PDB file of N, CA and C in Angstrom:
ATOM      1  N   MET A   1       3.412 116.388  81.284  1.00  0.00           N
ATOM      2  CA  MET A   1       3.852 115.077  80.874  1.00  0.00           C
ATOM      3  C   MET A   1       3.379 114.083  81.937  1.00  0.00           C
ATOM      4  N   THR A   2       2.797 113.013  81.468  1.00  0.00           N
ATOM      5  CA  THR A   2       2.281 112.015  82.402  1.00  0.00           C
ATOM      6  C   THR A   2       3.424 111.136  82.908  1.00  0.00           C
ATOM      7  N   ARG A   3       3.124 110.417  83.989  1.00  0.00           N
ATOM      8  CA  ARG A   3       4.123 109.519  84.577  1.00  0.00           C
ATOM      9  C   ARG A   3       4.557 108.459  83.565  1.00  0.00           C
ATOM     10  N   SER A   4       3.643 107.910  82.795  1.00  0.00           N
ATOM     11  CA  SER A   4       4.003 106.875  81.818  1.00  0.00           C
ATOM     12  C   SER A   4       4.882 107.447  80.707  1.00  0.00           C
ATOM     13  N   HIS A   5       4.644 108.710  80.323  1.00  0.00           N
ATOM     14  CA  HIS A   5       5.485 109.342  79.310  1.00  0.00           C
ATOM     15  C   HIS A   5       6.902 109.561  79.851  1.00  0.00           C
ATOM     16  N   ARG A   6       7.003 109.977  81.110  1.00  0.00           N
ATOM     17  CA  ARG A   6       8.319 110.177  81.726  1.00  0.00           C
ATOM     18  C   ARG A   6       9.081 108.857  81.794  1.00  0.00           C
ATOM     19  N   MET A   7       8.394 107.780  82.172  1.00  0.00           N
ATOM     20  CA  MET A   7       9.022 106.462  82.260  1.00  0.00           C
ATOM     21  C   MET A   7       9.508 106.005  80.885  1.00  0.00           C
ATOM     22  N   ALA A   8       8.709 106.241  79.861  1.00  0.00           N
ATOM     23  CA  ALA A   8       9.096 105.860  78.503  1.00  0.00           C
ATOM     24  C   ALA A   8      10.314 106.661  78.056  1.00  0.00           C
ATOM     25  N   LEU A   9      10.344 107.947  78.361  1.00  0.00           N
ATOM     26  CA  LEU A   9      11.469 108.798  78.002  1.00  0.00           C
ATOM     27  C   LEU A   9      12.743 108.346  78.718  1.00  0.00           C
ATOM     28  N   VAL A  10      12.649 108.003  79.983  1.00  0.00           N
ATOM     29  CA  VAL A  10      13.801 107.507  80.739  1.00  0.00           C
ATOM     30  C   VAL A  10      14.298 106.199  80.134  1.00  0.00           C
ATOM     31  N   SER A  11      13.394 105.301  79.771  1.00  0.00           N
ATOM     32  CA  SER A  11      13.784 104.014  79.173  1.00  0.00           C
ATOM     33  C   SER A  11      14.482 104.212  77.835  1.00  0.00           C
ATOM     34  N   ILE A  12      13.963 105.083  77.002  1.00  0.00           N
ATOM     35  CA  ILE A  12      14.565 105.352  75.688  1.00  0.00           C
ATOM     36  C   ILE A  12      15.940 105.979  75.862  1.00  0.00           C
ATOM     37  N   THR A  13      16.067 106.910  76.792  1.00  0.00           N
ATOM     38  CA  THR A  13      17.361 107.553  77.048  1.00  0.00           C
ATOM     39  C   THR A  13      18.379 106.537  77.543  1.00  0.00           C
ATOM     40  N   ALA A  14      17.970 105.647  78.434  1.00  0.00           N
ATOM     41  CA  ALA A  14      18.875 104.623  78.952  1.00  0.00           C
ATOM     42  C   ALA A  14      19.316 103.671  77.840  1.00  0.00           C
ATOM     43  N   LEU A  15      18.400 103.281  76.984  1.00  0.00           N
ATOM     44  CA  LEU A  15      18.732 102.391  75.877  1.00  0.00           C
ATOM     45  C   LEU A  15      19.707 103.064  74.918  1.00  0.00           C
ATOM     46  N   ALA A  16      19.456 104.304  74.562  1.00  0.00           N
ATOM     47  CA  ALA A  16      20.338 105.033  73.648  1.00  0.00           C
ATOM     48  C   ALA A  16      21.736 105.171  74.244  1.00  0.00           C
ATOM     49  N   THR A  17      21.823 105.469  75.518  1.00  0.00           N
ATOM     50  CA  THR A  17      23.115 105.590  76.183  1.00  0.00           C
ATOM     51  C   THR A  17      23.851 104.255  76.163  1.00  0.00           C
ATOM     52  N   THR A  18      23.168 103.178  76.443  1.00  0.00           N
ATOM     53  CA  THR A  18      23.783 101.845  76.425  1.00  0.00           C
ATOM     54  C   THR A  18      24.300 101.509  75.037  1.00  0.00           C
ATOM     55  N   LEU A  19      23.518 101.770  74.001  1.00  0.00           N
ATOM     56  CA  LEU A  19      23.944 101.471  72.633  1.00  0.00           C
ATOM     57  C   LEU A  19      25.171 102.271  72.244  1.00  0.00           C
ATOM     58  N   ILE A  20      25.213 103.522  72.590  1.00  0.00           N
ATOM     59  CA  ILE A  20      26.362 104.365  72.246  1.00  0.00           C
ATOM     60  C   ILE A  20      27.605 103.895  72.996  1.00  0.00           C
ATOM     61  N   LEU A  21      27.477 103.616  74.279  1.00  0.00           N
ATOM     62  CA  LEU A  21      28.634 103.206  75.077  1.00  0.00           C
ATOM     63  C   LEU A  21      29.153 101.835  74.702  1.00  0.00           C
ATOM     64  N   THR A  22      28.313 100.956  74.181  1.00  0.00           N
ATOM     65  CA  THR A  22      28.772  99.613  73.800  1.00  0.00           C
ATOM     66  C   THR A  22      29.165  99.523  72.336  1.00  0.00           C
ATOM     67  N   GLY A  23      29.146 100.618  71.614  1.00  0.00           N
ATOM     68  CA  GLY A  23      29.575 100.607  70.227  1.00  0.00           C
ATOM     69  C   GLY A  23      28.507 100.165  69.257  1.00  0.00           C
ATOM     70  N   CYS A  24      27.278 100.073  69.678  1.00  0.00           N
ATOM     71  CA  CYS A  24      26.207  99.639  68.784  1.00  0.00           C
ATOM     72  C   CYS A  24      25.384 100.820  68.303  1.00  0.00           C
ATOM     73  N   GLY A  25      25.844 102.009  68.552  1.00  0.00           N
ATOM     74  CA  GLY A  25      25.134 103.210  68.142  1.00  0.00           C
ATOM     75  C   GLY A  25      25.524 103.602  66.735  1.00  0.00           C
ATOM     76  N   PRO A  26      25.383 104.855  66.371  1.00  0.00           N
ATOM     77  CA  PRO A  26      25.640 105.328  65.026  1.00  0.00           C
ATOM     78  C   PRO A  26      27.047 105.047  64.504  1.00  0.00           C
ATOM     79  N   ALA A  27      28.074 104.999  65.381  1.00  0.00           N
ATOM     80  CA  ALA A  27      29.443 104.776  64.921  1.00  0.00           C
ATOM     81  C   ALA A  27      29.641 103.365  64.379  1.00  0.00           C
ATOM     82  N   ALA A  28      28.727 102.442  64.665  1.00  0.00           N
ATOM     83  CA  ALA A  28      28.876 101.070  64.216  1.00  0.00           C
ATOM     84  C   ALA A  28      28.109 100.814  62.920  1.00  0.00           C
ATOM     85  N   ALA A  29      27.986 101.824  62.089  1.00  0.00           N
ATOM     86  CA  ALA A  29      27.236 101.705  60.841  1.00  0.00           C
ATOM     87  C   ALA A  29      27.881 100.664  59.927  1.00  0.00           C
ATOM     88  N   PRO A  30      27.089  99.948  59.154  1.00  0.00           N
ATOM     89  CA  PRO A  30      27.644  98.942  58.243  1.00  0.00           C
ATOM     90  C   PRO A  30      28.468  99.604  57.141  1.00  0.00           C
ATOM     91  N   PRO A  31      29.443  98.869  56.581  1.00  0.00           N
ATOM     92  CA  PRO A  31      30.308  99.457  55.563  1.00  0.00           C
ATOM     93  C   PRO A  31      29.672  99.604  54.185  1.00  0.00           C
ATOM     94  N   ALA A  32      28.474  99.047  53.969  1.00  0.00           N
ATOM     95  CA  ALA A  32      27.839  99.166  52.653  1.00  0.00           C
ATOM     96  C   ALA A  32      27.671 100.635  52.301  1.00  0.00           C
ATOM     97  N   GLY A  33      27.930 100.954  51.048  1.00  0.00           N
ATOM     98  CA  GLY A  33      27.801 102.331  50.574  1.00  0.00           C
ATOM     99  C   GLY A  33      28.951 102.691  49.656  1.00  0.00           C
ATOM    100  N   THR A  34      29.063 103.967  49.358  1.00  0.00           N
ATOM    101  CA  THR A  34      30.087 104.460  48.438  1.00  0.00           C
ATOM    102  C   THR A  34      31.248 105.047  49.220  1.00  0.00           C
ATOM    103  N   TRP A  35      32.442 104.617  48.877  1.00  0.00           N
ATOM    104  CA  TRP A  35      33.680 105.067  49.507  1.00  0.00           C
ATOM    105  C   TRP A  35      34.594 105.631  48.431  1.00  0.00           C
ATOM    106  N   GLY A  36      35.177 106.783  48.677  1.00  0.00           N
ATOM    107  CA  GLY A  36      36.091 107.395  47.720  1.00  0.00           C
ATOM    108  C   GLY A  36      35.409 108.465  46.908  1.00  0.00           C
ATOM    109  N   SER A  37      36.055 108.830  45.820  1.00  0.00           N
ATOM    110  CA  SER A  37      35.611 109.947  44.999  1.00  0.00           C
ATOM    111  C   SER A  37      35.191 109.484  43.609  1.00  0.00           C
ATOM    112  N   SER A  38      34.230 110.172  43.037  1.00  0.00           N
ATOM    113  CA  SER A  38      33.821 109.863  41.662  1.00  0.00           C
ATOM    114  C   SER A  38      34.601 110.700  40.645  1.00  0.00           C
ATOM    115  N   ALA A  39      35.571 111.492  41.114  1.00  0.00           N
ATOM    116  CA  ALA A  39      36.381 112.317  40.211  1.00  0.00           C
ATOM    117  C   ALA A  39      37.284 111.434  39.356  1.00  0.00           C
ATOM    118  N   GLU A  40      37.530 111.846  38.135  1.00  0.00           N
ATOM    119  CA  GLU A  40      38.375 111.090  37.218  1.00  0.00           C
ATOM    120  C   GLU A  40      39.760 110.884  37.823  1.00  0.00           C
ATOM    121  N   GLY A  41      40.257 109.644  37.732  1.00  0.00           N
ATOM    122  CA  GLY A  41      41.587 109.321  38.235  1.00  0.00           C
ATOM    123  C   GLY A  41      41.652 109.049  39.724  1.00  0.00           C
ATOM    124  N   GLU A  42      40.507 109.084  40.424  1.00  0.00           N
ATOM    125  CA  GLU A  42      40.467 108.856  41.868  1.00  0.00           C
ATOM    126  C   GLU A  42      39.847 107.500  42.177  1.00  0.00           C
ATOM    127  N   PRO A  43      40.306 106.836  43.260  1.00  0.00           N
ATOM    128  CA  PRO A  43      39.748 105.539  43.619  1.00  0.00           C
ATOM    129  C   PRO A  43      38.356 105.650  44.243  1.00  0.00           C
ATOM    130  N   GLN A  44      37.535 104.635  43.986  1.00  0.00           N
ATOM    131  CA  GLN A  44      36.190 104.587  44.559  1.00  0.00           C
ATOM    132  C   GLN A  44      35.725 103.132  44.636  1.00  0.00           C
ATOM    133  N   LEU A  45      35.110 102.789  45.757  1.00  0.00           N
ATOM    134  CA  LEU A  45      34.481 101.483  45.924  1.00  0.00           C
ATOM    135  C   LEU A  45      33.019 101.675  46.266  1.00  0.00           C
ATOM    136  N   VAL A  46      32.174 100.843  45.688  1.00  0.00           N
ATOM    137  CA  VAL A  46      30.763 100.815  46.039  1.00  0.00           C
ATOM    138  C   VAL A  46      30.490  99.424  46.596  1.00  0.00           C
ATOM    139  N   LEU A  47      30.221  99.367  47.915  1.00  0.00           N
ATOM    140  CA  LEU A  47      29.922  98.111  48.574  1.00  0.00           C
ATOM    141  C   LEU A  47      28.416  97.968  48.688  1.00  0.00           C
ATOM    142  N   GLU A  48      27.872  96.975  48.014  1.00  0.00           N
ATOM    143  CA  GLU A  48      26.428  96.745  48.023  1.00  0.00           C
ATOM    144  C   GLU A  48      26.052  95.899  49.244  1.00  0.00           C
ATOM    145  N   ALA A  49      24.831  96.058  49.722  1.00  0.00           N
ATOM    146  CA  ALA A  49      24.349  95.319  50.885  1.00  0.00           C
ATOM    147  C   ALA A  49      24.333  93.805  50.639  1.00  0.00           C
ATOM    148  N   ASP A  50      24.268  93.372  49.370  1.00  0.00           N
ATOM    149  CA  ASP A  50      24.245  91.944  49.061  1.00  0.00           C
ATOM    150  C   ASP A  50      25.636  91.297  49.056  1.00  0.00           C
ATOM    151  N   GLY A  51      26.685  92.068  49.384  1.00  0.00           N
ATOM    152  CA  GLY A  51      28.041  91.534  49.437  1.00  0.00           C
ATOM    153  C   GLY A  51      28.834  91.682  48.160  1.00  0.00           C
ATOM    154  N   SER A  52      28.279  92.340  47.157  1.00  0.00           N
ATOM    155  CA  SER A  52      29.028  92.574  45.918  1.00  0.00           C
ATOM    156  C   SER A  52      29.695  93.948  45.985  1.00  0.00           C
ATOM    157  N   LEU A  53      30.729  94.121  45.176  1.00  0.00           N
ATOM    158  CA  LEU A  53      31.391  95.422  45.110  1.00  0.00           C
ATOM    159  C   LEU A  53      31.705  95.761  43.675  1.00  0.00           C
ATOM    160  N   SER A  54      31.784  97.050  43.414  1.00  0.00           N
ATOM    161  CA  SER A  54      32.229  97.557  42.129  1.00  0.00           C
ATOM    162  C   SER A  54      33.006  98.827  42.414  1.00  0.00           C
ATOM    163  N   GLY A  55      33.744  99.282  41.444  1.00  0.00           N
ATOM    164  CA  GLY A  55      34.477 100.519  41.646  1.00  0.00           C
ATOM    165  C   GLY A  55      35.600 100.677  40.658  1.00  0.00           C
ATOM    166  N   THR A  56      36.547 101.532  41.039  1.00  0.00           N
ATOM    167  CA  THR A  56      37.699 101.824  40.199  1.00  0.00           C
ATOM    168  C   THR A  56      38.886 102.159  41.090  1.00  0.00           C
ATOM    169  N   ASP A  57      40.076 101.846  40.605  1.00  0.00           N
ATOM    170  CA  ASP A  57      41.282 102.265  41.321  1.00  0.00           C
ATOM    171  C   ASP A  57      41.751 103.621  40.785  1.00  0.00           C
ATOM    172  N   GLY A  58      40.927 104.229  39.979  1.00  0.00           N
ATOM    173  CA  GLY A  58      41.259 105.495  39.335  1.00  0.00           C
ATOM    174  C   GLY A  58      41.581 105.296  37.865  1.00  0.00           C
ATOM    175  N   CYS A  59      41.801 104.038  37.487  1.00  0.00           N
ATOM    176  CA  CYS A  59      42.136 103.683  36.113  1.00  0.00           C
ATOM    177  C   CYS A  59      41.378 102.421  35.696  1.00  0.00           C
ATOM    178  N   ASN A  60      41.523 101.372  36.484  1.00  0.00           N
ATOM    179  CA  ASN A  60      40.922 100.072  36.181  1.00  0.00           C
ATOM    180  C   ASN A  60      39.596  99.890  36.907  1.00  0.00           C
ATOM    181  N   ARG A  61      38.663  99.199  36.258  1.00  0.00           N
ATOM    182  CA  ARG A  61      37.383  98.880  36.898  1.00  0.00           C
ATOM    183  C   ARG A  61      37.564  97.658  37.785  1.00  0.00           C
ATOM    184  N   LEU A  62      36.884  97.651  38.932  1.00  0.00           N
ATOM    185  CA  LEU A  62      36.949  96.558  39.885  1.00  0.00           C
ATOM    186  C   LEU A  62      35.562  95.967  40.090  1.00  0.00           C
ATOM    187  N   HIS A  63      35.497  94.644  40.231  1.00  0.00           N
ATOM    188  CA  HIS A  63      34.258  93.935  40.562  1.00  0.00           C
ATOM    189  C   HIS A  63      34.631  92.789  41.473  1.00  0.00           C
ATOM    190  N   GLY A  64      33.799  92.515  42.469  1.00  0.00           N
ATOM    191  CA  GLY A  64      34.099  91.410  43.361  1.00  0.00           C
ATOM    192  C   GLY A  64      33.084  91.292  44.479  1.00  0.00           C
ATOM    193  N   THR A  65      33.556  90.749  45.597  1.00  0.00           N
ATOM    194  CA  THR A  65      32.697  90.529  46.755  1.00  0.00           C
ATOM    195  C   THR A  65      33.369  91.087  48.007  1.00  0.00           C
ATOM    196  N   TRP A  66      32.562  91.239  49.048  1.00  0.00           N
ATOM    197  CA  TRP A  66      33.080  91.671  50.341  1.00  0.00           C
ATOM    198  C   TRP A  66      32.230  91.046  51.435  1.00  0.00           C
ATOM    199  N   SER A  67      32.829  90.939  52.615  1.00  0.00           N
ATOM    200  CA  SER A  67      32.104  90.470  53.791  1.00  0.00           C
ATOM    201  C   SER A  67      32.679  91.181  55.007  1.00  0.00           C
ATOM    202  N   LYS A  68      31.920  91.167  56.095  1.00  0.00           N
ATOM    203  CA  LYS A  68      32.361  91.836  57.317  1.00  0.00           C
ATOM    204  C   LYS A  68      32.287  90.859  58.470  1.00  0.00           C
ATOM    205  N   ALA A  69      33.365  90.801  59.258  1.00  0.00           N
ATOM    206  CA  ALA A  69      33.404  90.007  60.480  1.00  0.00           C
ATOM    207  C   ALA A  69      34.046  90.885  61.545  1.00  0.00           C
ATOM    208  N   GLY A  70      33.282  91.223  62.573  1.00  0.00           N
ATOM    209  CA  GLY A  70      33.806  92.125  63.596  1.00  0.00           C
ATOM    210  C   GLY A  70      34.058  93.488  62.991  1.00  0.00           C
ATOM    211  N   ASN A  71      35.265  93.998  63.160  1.00  0.00           N
ATOM    212  CA  ASN A  71      35.624  95.313  62.622  1.00  0.00           C
ATOM    213  C   ASN A  71      36.346  95.225  61.287  1.00  0.00           C
ATOM    214  N   THR A  72      36.447  94.032  60.715  1.00  0.00           N
ATOM    215  CA  THR A  72      37.226  93.849  59.493  1.00  0.00           C
ATOM    216  C   THR A  72      36.334  93.566  58.293  1.00  0.00           C
ATOM    217  N   VAL A  73      36.594  94.284  57.219  1.00  0.00           N
ATOM    218  CA  VAL A  73      35.955  94.029  55.930  1.00  0.00           C
ATOM    219  C   VAL A  73      36.969  93.226  55.119  1.00  0.00           C
ATOM    220  N   THR A  74      36.532  92.099  54.570  1.00  0.00           N
ATOM    221  CA  THR A  74      37.408  91.263  53.750  1.00  0.00           C
ATOM    222  C   THR A  74      36.898  91.286  52.319  1.00  0.00           C
ATOM    223  N   PHE A  75      37.809  91.553  51.393  1.00  0.00           N
ATOM    224  CA  PHE A  75      37.464  91.590  49.979  1.00  0.00           C
ATOM    225  C   PHE A  75      37.855  90.254  49.361  1.00  0.00           C
ATOM    226  N   GLY A  76      36.954  89.685  48.564  1.00  0.00           N
ATOM    227  CA  GLY A  76      37.239  88.394  47.951  1.00  0.00           C
ATOM    228  C   GLY A  76      36.835  88.388  46.500  1.00  0.00           C
ATOM    229  N   GLU A  77      37.516  87.555  45.724  1.00  0.00           N
ATOM    230  CA  GLU A  77      37.192  87.387  44.315  1.00  0.00           C
ATOM    231  C   GLU A  77      37.093  88.722  43.581  1.00  0.00           C
ATOM    232  N   VAL A  78      38.077  89.602  43.782  1.00  0.00           N
ATOM    233  CA  VAL A  78      38.075  90.903  43.111  1.00  0.00           C
ATOM    234  C   VAL A  78      38.834  90.790  41.795  1.00  0.00           C
ATOM    235  N   ALA A  79      38.151  91.114  40.718  1.00  0.00           N
ATOM    236  CA  ALA A  79      38.745  91.113  39.382  1.00  0.00           C
ATOM    237  C   ALA A  79      38.838  92.552  38.895  1.00  0.00           C
ATOM    238  N   SER A  80      39.807  92.805  38.037  1.00  0.00           N
ATOM    239  CA  SER A  80      39.943  94.167  37.513  1.00  0.00           C
ATOM    240  C   SER A  80      40.420  94.128  36.071  1.00  0.00           C
ATOM    241  N   THR A  81      40.197  95.246  35.400  1.00  0.00           N
ATOM    242  CA  THR A  81      40.782  95.415  34.079  1.00  0.00           C
ATOM    243  C   THR A  81      42.265  95.689  34.294  1.00  0.00           C
ATOM    244  N   ARG A  82      43.049  95.684  33.237  1.00  0.00           N
ATOM    245  CA  ARG A  82      44.498  95.892  33.356  1.00  0.00           C
ATOM    246  C   ARG A  82      44.963  96.992  32.397  1.00  0.00           C
ATOM    247  N   MET A  83      44.368  98.162  32.520  1.00  0.00           N
ATOM    248  CA  MET A  83      44.749  99.285  31.678  1.00  0.00           C
ATOM    249  C   MET A  83      45.916 100.031  32.323  1.00  0.00           C
ATOM    250  N   ALA A  84      46.702 100.696  31.509  1.00  0.00           N
ATOM    251  CA  ALA A  84      47.789 101.538  32.008  1.00  0.00           C
ATOM    252  C   ALA A  84      47.356 102.991  31.867  1.00  0.00           C
ATOM    253  N   CYS A  85      47.343 103.700  32.963  1.00  0.00           N
ATOM    254  CA  CYS A  85      46.934 105.105  32.943  1.00  0.00           C
ATOM    255  C   CYS A  85      48.049 105.961  33.529  1.00  0.00           C
ATOM    256  N   ARG A  86      48.511 106.911  32.767  1.00  0.00           N
ATOM    257  CA  ARG A  86      49.570 107.807  33.230  1.00  0.00           C
ATOM    258  C   ARG A  86      49.096 108.684  34.376  1.00  0.00           C
ATOM    259  N   GLY A  87      49.953 108.791  35.378  1.00  0.00           N
ATOM    260  CA  GLY A  87      49.690 109.709  36.471  1.00  0.00           C
ATOM    261  C   GLY A  87      48.639 109.252  37.466  1.00  0.00           C
ATOM    262  N   VAL A  88      48.188 108.009  37.389  1.00  0.00           N
ATOM    263  CA  VAL A  88      47.171 107.500  38.314  1.00  0.00           C
ATOM    264  C   VAL A  88      47.822 106.473  39.228  1.00  0.00           C
ATOM    265  N   ASP A  89      47.694 106.690  40.536  1.00  0.00           N
ATOM    266  CA  ASP A  89      48.200 105.741  41.520  1.00  0.00           C
ATOM    267  C   ASP A  89      47.142 104.656  41.708  1.00  0.00           C
ATOM    268  N   THR A  90      47.435 103.456  41.252  1.00  0.00           N
ATOM    269  CA  THR A  90      46.456 102.364  41.260  1.00  0.00           C
ATOM    270  C   THR A  90      46.595 101.478  42.502  1.00  0.00           C
ATOM    271  N   TRP A  91      46.844 102.065  43.655  1.00  0.00           N
ATOM    272  CA  TRP A  91      47.041 101.320  44.909  1.00  0.00           C
ATOM    273  C   TRP A  91      45.850 100.446  45.282  1.00  0.00           C
ATOM    274  N   LEU A  92      44.646 100.891  44.945  1.00  0.00           N
ATOM    275  CA  LEU A  92      43.445 100.179  45.385  1.00  0.00           C
ATOM    276  C   LEU A  92      43.344  98.767  44.801  1.00  0.00           C
ATOM    277  N   ILE A  93      44.018  98.520  43.692  1.00  0.00           N
ATOM    278  CA  ILE A  93      43.953  97.195  43.069  1.00  0.00           C
ATOM    279  C   ILE A  93      44.536  96.115  43.991  1.00  0.00           C
ATOM    280  N   ASN A  94      45.335  96.526  44.984  1.00  0.00           N
ATOM    281  CA  ASN A  94      45.976  95.585  45.909  1.00  0.00           C
ATOM    282  C   ASN A  94      45.184  95.367  47.196  1.00  0.00           C
ATOM    283  N   LEU A  95      43.908  95.767  47.231  1.00  0.00           N
ATOM    284  CA  LEU A  95      43.101  95.636  48.440  1.00  0.00           C
ATOM    285  C   LEU A  95      42.916  94.180  48.845  1.00  0.00           C
ATOM    286  N   ALA A  96      42.926  93.936  50.154  1.00  0.00           N
ATOM    287  CA  ALA A  96      42.656  92.603  50.689  1.00  0.00           C
ATOM    288  C   ALA A  96      41.646  92.693  51.830  1.00  0.00           C
ATOM    289  N   THR A  97      41.878  93.627  52.752  1.00  0.00           N
ATOM    290  CA  THR A  97      40.975  93.839  53.883  1.00  0.00           C
ATOM    291  C   THR A  97      40.881  95.334  54.150  1.00  0.00           C
ATOM    292  N   ALA A  98      39.984  95.696  55.065  1.00  0.00           N
ATOM    293  CA  ALA A  98      39.850  97.100  55.465  1.00  0.00           C
ATOM    294  C   ALA A  98      39.222  97.165  56.846  1.00  0.00           C
ATOM    295  N   THR A  99      39.427  98.290  57.499  1.00  0.00           N
ATOM    296  CA  THR A  99      38.727  98.586  58.739  1.00  0.00           C
ATOM    297  C   THR A  99      38.005  99.913  58.529  1.00  0.00           C
ATOM    298  N   VAL A 100      36.853 100.045  59.172  1.00  0.00           N
ATOM    299  CA  VAL A 100      36.057 101.263  59.027  1.00  0.00           C
ATOM    300  C   VAL A 100      35.941 101.926  60.386  1.00  0.00           C
ATOM    301  N   SER A 101      36.243 103.211  60.413  1.00  0.00           N
ATOM    302  CA  SER A 101      36.085 104.010  61.619  1.00  0.00           C
ATOM    303  C   SER A 101      35.362 105.289  61.217  1.00  0.00           C
ATOM    304  N   GLY A 102      34.094 105.388  61.608  1.00  0.00           N
ATOM    305  CA  GLY A 102      33.304 106.565  61.229  1.00  0.00           C
ATOM    306  C   GLY A 102      33.144 106.644  59.727  1.00  0.00           C
ATOM    307  N   THR A 103      33.677 107.696  59.134  1.00  0.00           N
ATOM    308  CA  THR A 103      33.547 107.899  57.687  1.00  0.00           C
ATOM    309  C   THR A 103      34.843 107.610  56.942  1.00  0.00           C
ATOM    310  N   THR A 104      35.759 106.871  57.574  1.00  0.00           N
ATOM    311  CA  THR A 104      37.037 106.543  56.938  1.00  0.00           C
ATOM    312  C   THR A 104      37.235 105.038  56.852  1.00  0.00           C
ATOM    313  N   MET A 105      37.561 104.570  55.652  1.00  0.00           N
ATOM    314  CA  MET A 105      37.906 103.176  55.434  1.00  0.00           C
ATOM    315  C   MET A 105      39.418 103.101  55.242  1.00  0.00           C
ATOM    316  N   ARG A 106      40.076 102.336  56.083  1.00  0.00           N
ATOM    317  CA  ARG A 106      41.526 102.130  56.016  1.00  0.00           C
ATOM    318  C   ARG A 106      41.747 100.818  55.267  1.00  0.00           C
ATOM    319  N   VAL A 107      42.342 100.887  54.071  1.00  0.00           N
ATOM    320  CA  VAL A 107      42.496  99.728  53.191  1.00  0.00           C
ATOM    321  C   VAL A 107      43.882  99.116  53.370  1.00  0.00           C
ATOM    322  N   LEU A 108      43.897  97.772  53.531  1.00  0.00           N
ATOM    323  CA  LEU A 108      45.139  97.039  53.748  1.00  0.00           C
ATOM    324  C   LEU A 108      45.375  96.043  52.615  1.00  0.00           C
ATOM    325  N   ASN A 109      46.651  95.741  52.342  1.00  0.00           N
ATOM    326  CA  ASN A 109      46.972  94.719  51.348  1.00  0.00           C
ATOM    327  C   ASN A 109      47.017  93.347  52.012  1.00  0.00           C
ATOM    328  N   SER A 110      47.405  92.311  51.275  1.00  0.00           N
ATOM    329  CA  SER A 110      47.387  90.951  51.811  1.00  0.00           C
ATOM    330  C   SER A 110      48.405  90.735  52.931  1.00  0.00           C
ATOM    331  N   SER A 111      49.380  91.620  53.059  1.00  0.00           N
ATOM    332  CA  SER A 111      50.352  91.542  54.153  1.00  0.00           C
ATOM    333  C   SER A 111      49.879  92.270  55.402  1.00  0.00           C
ATOM    334  N   GLY A 112      48.719  92.929  55.306  1.00  0.00           N
ATOM    335  CA  GLY A 112      48.201  93.690  56.435  1.00  0.00           C
ATOM    336  C   GLY A 112      48.752  95.091  56.538  1.00  0.00           C
ATOM    337  N   THR A 113      49.432  95.553  55.491  1.00  0.00           N
ATOM    338  CA  THR A 113      50.000  96.898  55.452  1.00  0.00           C
ATOM    339  C   THR A 113      48.976  97.875  54.888  1.00  0.00           C
ATOM    340  N   LYS A 114      48.835  99.022  55.541  1.00  0.00           N
ATOM    341  CA  LYS A 114      47.914 100.055  55.049  1.00  0.00           C
ATOM    342  C   LYS A 114      48.419 100.566  53.703  1.00  0.00           C
ATOM    343  N   ILE A 115      47.529 100.546  52.701  1.00  0.00           N
ATOM    344  CA  ILE A 115      47.901 101.040  51.381  1.00  0.00           C
ATOM    345  C   ILE A 115      47.162 102.322  51.013  1.00  0.00           C
ATOM    346  N   GLY A 116      46.137 102.669  51.778  1.00  0.00           N
ATOM    347  CA  GLY A 116      45.412 103.912  51.514  1.00  0.00           C
ATOM    348  C   GLY A 116      44.148 104.013  52.324  1.00  0.00           C
ATOM    349  N   THR A 117      43.464 105.139  52.172  1.00  0.00           N
ATOM    350  CA  THR A 117      42.198 105.356  52.852  1.00  0.00           C
ATOM    351  C   THR A 117      41.169 105.894  51.861  1.00  0.00           C
ATOM    352  N   LEU A 118      39.922 105.592  52.148  1.00  0.00           N
ATOM    353  CA  LEU A 118      38.789 106.103  51.364  1.00  0.00           C
ATOM    354  C   LEU A 118      37.812 106.727  52.342  1.00  0.00           C
ATOM    355  N   SER A 119      37.217 107.828  51.960  1.00  0.00           N
ATOM    356  CA  SER A 119      36.198 108.490  52.790  1.00  0.00           C
ATOM    357  C   SER A 119      34.828 108.233  52.234  1.00  0.00           C
ATOM    358  N   ARG A 120      33.840 108.277  53.110  1.00  0.00           N
ATOM    359  CA  ARG A 120      32.450 108.107  52.689  1.00  0.00           C
ATOM    360  C   ARG A 120      31.961 109.363  52.044  1.00  0.00           C
TER     361      ARG A 120
END
């Protein structure tokens, strides 16, 4: 290995270490993507990179918008159908904000109370 290759390797290693230690590494992935389960009766959100969302609370279809500021995801203008489904917990319809940690989204209502979690 040449001296220039060693220097490049040291620089890349230092940069990667800095990014991981400051929270800008892999753990700081954007929330866009699919959260929850596609199984019948289970909640699921699909957050698109353009700020739109779609999904289901396990019974009702959801459509709306989302944005991220710091560690908080804020849901806005979310509309849903109003069907009654036996045996389905429709907690997701009350979403207001969320926080993401790794592969877990912690969903909060408008009072800031945790109402559930979704996995990636």
